[in-house]
Protein backbone atom coordinates (compact mmCIF):
# COMPACT_ATOMS: atom_id res chain seq x y z
CA MET A 1 -47.35 13.29 -68.99
CA SER A 2 -47.38 14.91 -65.46
CA THR A 3 -47.72 12.24 -62.18
CA VAL A 4 -49.41 14.97 -60.31
CA ALA A 5 -53.24 15.21 -60.51
CA PRO A 6 -54.16 18.95 -60.61
CA HIS A 7 -57.13 19.22 -57.85
CA GLY A 8 -59.05 22.82 -59.48
CA LEU A 9 -58.62 26.35 -59.51
CA HIS A 10 -57.14 27.34 -56.44
CA HIS A 11 -57.48 31.54 -57.05
CA VAL A 12 -57.60 34.19 -59.75
CA THR A 13 -55.85 37.32 -58.90
CA ALA A 14 -56.61 40.50 -60.68
CA ILE A 15 -55.85 44.43 -60.88
CA ALA A 16 -57.95 47.05 -59.66
CA GLU A 17 -57.55 50.87 -59.39
CA ASP A 18 -59.71 51.70 -55.99
CA PRO A 19 -59.30 49.86 -53.17
CA GLN A 20 -62.70 50.88 -51.59
CA ARG A 21 -64.80 50.58 -55.15
CA ASN A 22 -63.25 47.17 -55.19
CA VAL A 23 -64.57 46.33 -51.70
CA ASP A 24 -67.83 47.71 -52.51
CA PHE A 25 -68.53 45.76 -55.73
CA TYR A 26 -67.58 42.27 -55.39
CA ALA A 27 -68.83 42.35 -51.17
CA HIS A 28 -71.83 44.15 -51.76
CA VAL A 29 -72.59 43.68 -55.14
CA LEU A 30 -71.81 40.02 -56.08
CA GLY A 31 -71.75 39.11 -52.38
CA LEU A 32 -68.44 37.36 -51.73
CA ARG A 33 -66.90 37.29 -48.48
CA LEU A 34 -63.82 39.90 -47.86
CA VAL A 35 -61.77 36.59 -46.33
CA LYS A 36 -58.33 38.72 -46.11
CA GLN A 37 -57.39 42.02 -45.79
CA THR A 38 -53.58 41.85 -46.21
CA VAL A 39 -51.07 43.50 -48.82
CA ASN A 40 -48.92 42.44 -51.50
CA PHE A 41 -45.80 41.23 -50.22
CA ASP A 42 -43.72 41.87 -52.96
CA ALA A 43 -45.38 45.54 -53.29
CA PRO A 44 -46.62 46.02 -49.44
CA GLU A 45 -47.34 49.66 -50.29
CA THR A 46 -50.60 48.41 -51.99
CA TYR A 47 -53.81 46.22 -50.61
CA HIS A 48 -53.71 42.38 -51.37
CA LEU A 49 -57.81 42.10 -50.86
CA TYR A 50 -59.04 37.94 -51.08
CA TYR A 51 -62.71 37.11 -51.69
CA GLY A 52 -64.37 34.10 -51.37
CA ASP A 53 -66.79 31.75 -49.58
CA ALA A 54 -67.55 31.91 -45.81
CA ALA A 55 -64.02 30.42 -44.96
CA GLY A 56 -61.58 31.28 -48.12
CA ARG A 57 -61.89 27.83 -49.08
CA PRO A 58 -59.55 27.04 -52.53
CA SER A 59 -61.52 27.21 -55.82
CA SER A 60 -63.85 30.12 -54.51
CA LEU A 61 -61.18 32.65 -54.25
CA LEU A 62 -61.10 36.04 -56.45
CA THR A 63 -58.27 38.44 -55.01
CA PHE A 64 -57.18 41.90 -55.87
CA PHE A 65 -54.25 44.27 -56.30
CA PRO A 66 -55.66 47.43 -56.03
CA TRP A 67 -53.41 50.32 -57.11
CA PRO A 68 -54.23 53.69 -56.99
CA GLY A 69 -53.59 55.53 -60.48
CA VAL A 70 -53.21 52.06 -62.43
CA PRO A 71 -53.89 52.97 -66.22
CA PRO A 72 -56.95 50.96 -67.37
CA GLY A 73 -55.62 47.17 -69.13
CA ARG A 74 -56.52 46.05 -72.40
CA GLN A 75 -57.85 42.52 -73.01
CA GLY A 76 -56.45 40.27 -75.56
CA THR A 77 -54.16 37.58 -76.17
CA GLY A 78 -51.68 36.35 -73.47
CA LEU A 79 -53.89 36.90 -70.89
CA ALA A 80 -56.48 35.05 -68.57
CA THR A 81 -59.36 37.35 -70.36
CA VAL A 82 -62.81 35.68 -68.56
CA THR A 83 -63.38 34.98 -65.04
CA SER A 84 -66.67 32.77 -64.47
CA PHE A 85 -68.46 31.89 -61.28
CA SER A 86 -70.83 29.47 -60.40
CA VAL A 87 -74.49 30.46 -59.06
CA PRO A 88 -77.59 28.03 -58.63
CA GLU A 89 -79.88 27.00 -61.25
CA GLY A 90 -82.52 29.16 -61.89
CA SER A 91 -80.58 32.06 -60.52
CA LEU A 92 -79.59 33.99 -63.64
CA ALA A 93 -82.85 36.30 -63.81
CA TRP A 94 -82.55 37.36 -60.02
CA TRP A 95 -78.71 38.43 -60.72
CA GLN A 96 -79.99 40.32 -63.83
CA ARG A 97 -82.42 42.38 -61.65
CA ARG A 98 -80.10 42.94 -58.95
CA LEU A 99 -77.13 44.08 -61.20
CA ALA A 100 -79.34 46.63 -62.89
CA ASP A 101 -80.31 48.04 -59.58
CA ARG A 102 -77.03 48.60 -58.52
CA GLY A 103 -76.12 50.12 -62.18
CA ALA A 104 -73.56 47.20 -62.92
CA ASP A 105 -72.48 46.41 -66.19
CA ALA A 106 -74.56 43.69 -67.10
CA ASP A 107 -75.87 41.71 -70.31
CA ALA A 108 -78.49 39.59 -70.31
CA PRO A 109 -78.04 36.22 -69.62
CA ARG A 110 -78.00 33.56 -72.66
CA THR A 111 -77.27 29.81 -73.60
CA ARG A 112 -73.97 29.40 -74.83
CA ASP A 113 -72.29 25.83 -75.06
CA GLY A 114 -75.19 24.07 -72.92
CA GLU A 115 -74.43 26.60 -70.27
CA ASP A 116 -76.97 29.48 -69.05
CA VAL A 117 -74.58 32.46 -68.60
CA LEU A 118 -74.29 36.13 -67.46
CA VAL A 119 -71.90 38.36 -68.64
CA LEU A 120 -71.03 41.00 -66.33
CA ARG A 121 -68.43 43.76 -66.09
CA ASP A 122 -66.72 45.11 -63.00
CA PRO A 123 -65.89 48.54 -62.04
CA ASP A 124 -62.75 48.51 -63.82
CA GLY A 125 -64.24 46.61 -66.99
CA MET A 126 -62.54 43.32 -65.95
CA VAL A 127 -65.16 40.56 -67.75
CA LEU A 128 -66.82 38.46 -65.33
CA GLU A 129 -69.48 35.70 -65.83
CA LEU A 130 -72.06 33.88 -63.63
CA VAL A 131 -72.76 30.64 -64.53
CA ALA A 132 -75.89 28.44 -63.75
CA ALA A 133 -73.95 24.89 -62.72
CA PRO A 134 -75.96 22.42 -62.01
CA GLY A 135 -74.99 20.34 -59.53
CA ASP A 136 -72.44 22.52 -57.59
CA ALA A 137 -73.08 21.61 -53.83
CA ARG A 138 -70.67 24.38 -52.52
CA SER A 139 -72.68 26.60 -50.20
CA GLY A 140 -70.82 30.28 -50.99
CA TRP A 141 -71.23 32.68 -48.42
CA ASP A 142 -74.38 34.21 -46.87
CA GLY A 143 -73.16 36.94 -44.79
CA GLU A 144 -74.89 39.58 -47.27
CA ALA A 145 -77.82 39.86 -45.76
CA SER A 146 -79.97 41.78 -49.77
CA ILE A 147 -78.49 38.03 -51.23
CA PRO A 148 -80.84 35.19 -50.13
CA SER A 149 -78.69 32.17 -49.89
CA GLU A 150 -80.57 30.17 -52.92
CA HIS A 151 -78.88 33.01 -55.19
CA ALA A 152 -75.54 33.17 -53.72
CA VAL A 153 -72.29 32.69 -55.55
CA ARG A 154 -71.00 29.52 -55.39
CA GLY A 155 -67.34 30.03 -56.09
CA LEU A 156 -65.46 29.90 -59.14
CA HIS A 157 -66.67 27.61 -62.11
CA ALA A 158 -63.94 28.08 -64.79
CA ILE A 159 -61.14 30.66 -66.16
CA THR A 160 -60.86 31.74 -69.89
CA LEU A 161 -57.40 32.20 -71.39
CA SER A 162 -57.15 33.97 -74.64
CA GLU A 163 -53.89 32.75 -76.77
CA ARG A 164 -52.65 33.60 -80.24
CA VAL A 165 -52.74 29.88 -80.87
CA LEU A 166 -54.10 27.02 -79.02
CA ASP A 167 -51.66 24.12 -79.21
CA ALA A 168 -48.61 24.47 -77.44
CA SER A 169 -51.14 26.05 -74.54
CA ALA A 170 -53.46 22.76 -74.73
CA ALA A 171 -49.89 20.58 -74.31
CA MET A 172 -49.26 22.54 -71.56
CA LEU A 173 -52.21 21.96 -70.08
CA THR A 174 -52.50 18.26 -70.64
CA ASP A 175 -49.14 17.08 -70.82
CA LEU A 176 -47.72 19.28 -68.02
CA LEU A 177 -50.83 20.00 -65.94
CA GLY A 178 -52.38 16.77 -66.29
CA MET A 179 -55.58 18.00 -67.05
CA ARG A 180 -58.16 16.38 -69.58
CA LEU A 181 -59.21 17.75 -72.84
CA ARG A 182 -63.36 17.66 -72.28
CA SER A 183 -64.44 19.20 -76.00
CA GLU A 184 -63.02 21.28 -78.60
CA ASP A 185 -64.80 23.37 -81.16
CA GLY A 186 -62.38 24.92 -83.65
CA ALA A 187 -60.33 27.36 -82.02
CA SER A 188 -61.51 27.21 -78.40
CA ALA A 189 -60.84 23.76 -76.43
CA ARG A 190 -62.12 22.66 -72.54
CA PHE A 191 -59.86 21.52 -69.88
CA ALA A 192 -61.06 19.81 -67.01
CA MET A 193 -59.42 18.90 -63.61
CA ALA A 194 -60.46 16.55 -60.89
CA GLY A 195 -64.35 15.21 -61.69
CA GLY A 196 -64.69 17.95 -64.05
CA GLU A 197 -66.91 19.71 -61.99
CA SER A 198 -66.99 23.60 -61.16
CA GLY A 199 -64.15 25.37 -60.07
CA THR A 200 -62.26 22.71 -62.21
CA LEU A 201 -62.31 24.07 -65.73
CA VAL A 202 -60.33 26.08 -67.79
CA ASP A 203 -61.23 27.32 -71.50
CA VAL A 204 -58.88 28.21 -73.79
CA ALA A 205 -59.57 30.09 -77.15
CA ALA A 206 -57.83 30.98 -79.80
CA SER A 207 -57.68 33.86 -81.92
CA PRO A 208 -55.69 36.46 -84.01
CA ARG A 209 -57.02 39.60 -81.43
CA ASP A 210 -54.17 42.03 -80.62
CA ARG A 211 -51.87 41.02 -77.52
CA GLY A 212 -53.66 42.31 -74.12
CA LEU A 213 -52.20 44.86 -71.78
CA GLN A 214 -51.86 43.67 -68.09
CA ALA A 215 -53.34 46.93 -66.43
CA GLY A 216 -56.44 47.76 -64.35
CA GLY A 217 -59.51 45.46 -65.17
CA THR A 218 -57.40 42.90 -66.42
CA VAL A 219 -56.07 38.96 -64.45
CA HIS A 220 -52.80 39.06 -63.12
CA HIS A 221 -52.19 35.31 -62.89
CA VAL A 222 -54.04 32.07 -62.39
CA ALA A 223 -53.69 29.53 -59.50
CA PHE A 224 -53.98 25.91 -59.31
CA ARG A 225 -54.58 23.83 -56.51
CA ALA A 226 -51.64 21.41 -54.73
CA PRO A 227 -53.02 19.92 -51.40
CA ASP A 228 -50.42 20.17 -49.80
CA LEU A 229 -46.34 21.23 -50.15
CA ALA A 230 -45.08 17.59 -51.23
CA THR A 231 -47.24 17.69 -54.18
CA MET A 232 -46.23 21.33 -55.51
CA THR A 233 -42.46 20.26 -54.79
CA ARG A 234 -43.16 17.45 -56.82
CA TRP A 235 -44.96 20.03 -59.43
CA GLN A 236 -42.15 21.89 -59.48
CA ALA A 237 -39.48 19.00 -60.22
CA GLU A 238 -41.92 17.90 -63.15
CA LEU A 239 -42.02 21.51 -64.49
CA LEU A 240 -38.14 21.98 -63.99
CA ASP A 241 -37.53 18.81 -65.40
CA SER A 242 -39.35 19.83 -68.89
CA GLY A 243 -37.65 22.75 -69.31
CA ILE A 244 -40.11 25.29 -67.45
CA ASP A 245 -38.67 28.56 -66.22
CA VAL A 246 -40.02 28.00 -62.13
CA THR A 247 -39.74 29.77 -59.24
CA ASP A 248 -38.74 29.01 -56.09
CA ILE A 249 -41.42 28.28 -53.39
CA ARG A 250 -42.55 31.72 -52.27
CA ASP A 251 -44.42 31.74 -48.77
CA ARG A 252 -47.94 33.28 -49.01
CA GLN A 253 -48.89 33.09 -45.49
CA TYR A 254 -52.28 31.34 -46.09
CA PHE A 255 -50.72 29.02 -48.69
CA LYS A 256 -47.20 28.50 -50.77
CA SER A 257 -46.34 28.90 -54.32
CA ILE A 258 -44.51 28.64 -57.55
CA TYR A 259 -45.13 30.62 -60.34
CA PHE A 260 -44.42 29.90 -64.28
CA ARG A 261 -45.98 30.99 -67.38
CA GLU A 262 -47.42 28.90 -69.98
CA PRO A 263 -46.50 28.95 -73.96
CA GLY A 264 -49.16 31.80 -74.74
CA GLY A 265 -47.85 34.48 -71.84
CA VAL A 266 -50.51 34.23 -69.37
CA LEU A 267 -48.71 33.82 -65.33
CA PHE A 268 -49.71 30.64 -63.64
CA GLU A 269 -49.44 29.55 -60.31
CA ILE A 270 -49.48 26.11 -57.98
CA ALA A 271 -50.64 27.02 -54.38
CA THR A 272 -51.20 24.84 -51.95
CA ASP A 273 -54.56 24.26 -49.96
CA GLU A 274 -52.83 25.00 -46.44
CA PRO A 275 -52.85 26.25 -44.19
CA GLY A 276 -55.69 28.49 -44.89
CA PHE A 277 -57.10 32.11 -44.01
CA ALA A 278 -57.80 31.22 -40.58
CA THR A 279 -53.98 30.81 -39.48
CA ASP A 280 -53.84 34.42 -38.43
CA GLU A 281 -57.12 35.42 -37.16
CA PRO A 282 -60.47 33.65 -36.47
CA LEU A 283 -62.87 32.38 -38.94
CA LEU A 284 -65.82 34.64 -37.65
CA GLU A 285 -63.37 37.77 -38.06
CA LEU A 286 -61.86 37.28 -41.52
CA GLY A 287 -61.15 40.29 -43.65
CA ARG A 288 -61.82 42.59 -40.59
CA SER A 289 -58.30 44.17 -40.45
CA LEU A 290 -55.46 44.75 -41.95
CA LYS A 291 -52.92 41.34 -41.25
CA LEU A 292 -49.10 40.93 -41.97
CA PRO A 293 -46.78 37.99 -42.45
CA PRO A 294 -44.38 37.90 -39.36
CA TRP A 295 -41.41 39.67 -41.77
CA LEU A 296 -43.47 42.63 -42.46
CA GLU A 297 -44.93 43.30 -38.93
CA PRO A 298 -42.16 45.72 -37.74
CA ASP A 299 -43.10 48.14 -40.75
CA ARG A 300 -46.85 47.76 -39.57
CA GLU A 301 -47.09 51.46 -39.04
CA GLN A 302 -45.31 52.53 -42.11
CA ILE A 303 -47.53 50.03 -44.09
CA ALA A 304 -50.86 51.33 -42.64
CA ALA A 305 -50.09 54.37 -43.16
CA ALA A 306 -49.43 54.22 -46.88
CA LEU A 307 -52.78 52.78 -47.37
CA PRO A 308 -55.98 54.14 -48.08
CA PRO A 309 -58.63 53.30 -45.39
CA LEU A 310 -61.51 50.70 -46.25
CA ARG A 311 -64.81 51.18 -45.13
CA LEU A 312 -66.75 47.70 -45.24
CA ASP A 313 -69.84 48.21 -44.78
CA ALA A 314 -72.53 48.46 -47.14
CA THR A 315 -73.75 52.06 -47.22
CA GLY A 316 -77.03 50.69 -49.06
């Protein structure tokens, strides 16, 4: 059993095709704040766009690598297949109308396992959920004028992993990552971190479906929270002692990270809460301009020239 207590989801990172379409949907349809406009540090010819609450706090973050021309992926086992967000109770009818008005691909709200849920798909086909989560005190982002604060997305609620078998992945979540089994129903189970509130939940669903193909409209990796570097270093040591192939510590400018795969193939990251997104620009200006880490600054002109321009304001 891990001696390091997990704090919840840190972020989910996915793959998109068109960066402008991505901004239009997540900032102006779902109303998340674009908190950082940077590049993929490992492939700086493409953007890395971060969306979240007013300050980009951990557990509110969904990020994207938008690769123009990337082919569509395929949902299936070995991938995180659903990313769920929390919205206030009583908001799903409002969201259903908003999504319909904006031509989004969304289903009617329904009740599932005691939760009221609205399933939708982004322009790349990525599966999202809005969950009416009672007791979520997070404030979300109120900067999108067309979304009343009482309906605004609060942050991440849960992530769903699709697996061929449940047991091996479940064992890693509990024995190595310190999560608790909260409920189990046949071939699916819910695991919780911290107090089990929104932003701390991982669902695992086992099925015989084909293996997924990671490309456009699919999740690239799921990140969990470590409060600081010392905690993440202890986690890294425990994973290595258990025979898990873990990367060295990577500097992601706004947090430090390690990466490894769970038994079913989903790429996991552990990311520190510190230092956050105001480290290189004021809080009020988050996401308004391209930010690069110090080691990429000498190539700014070349990098910026290779990126398509982004229009950040809504067009209607």
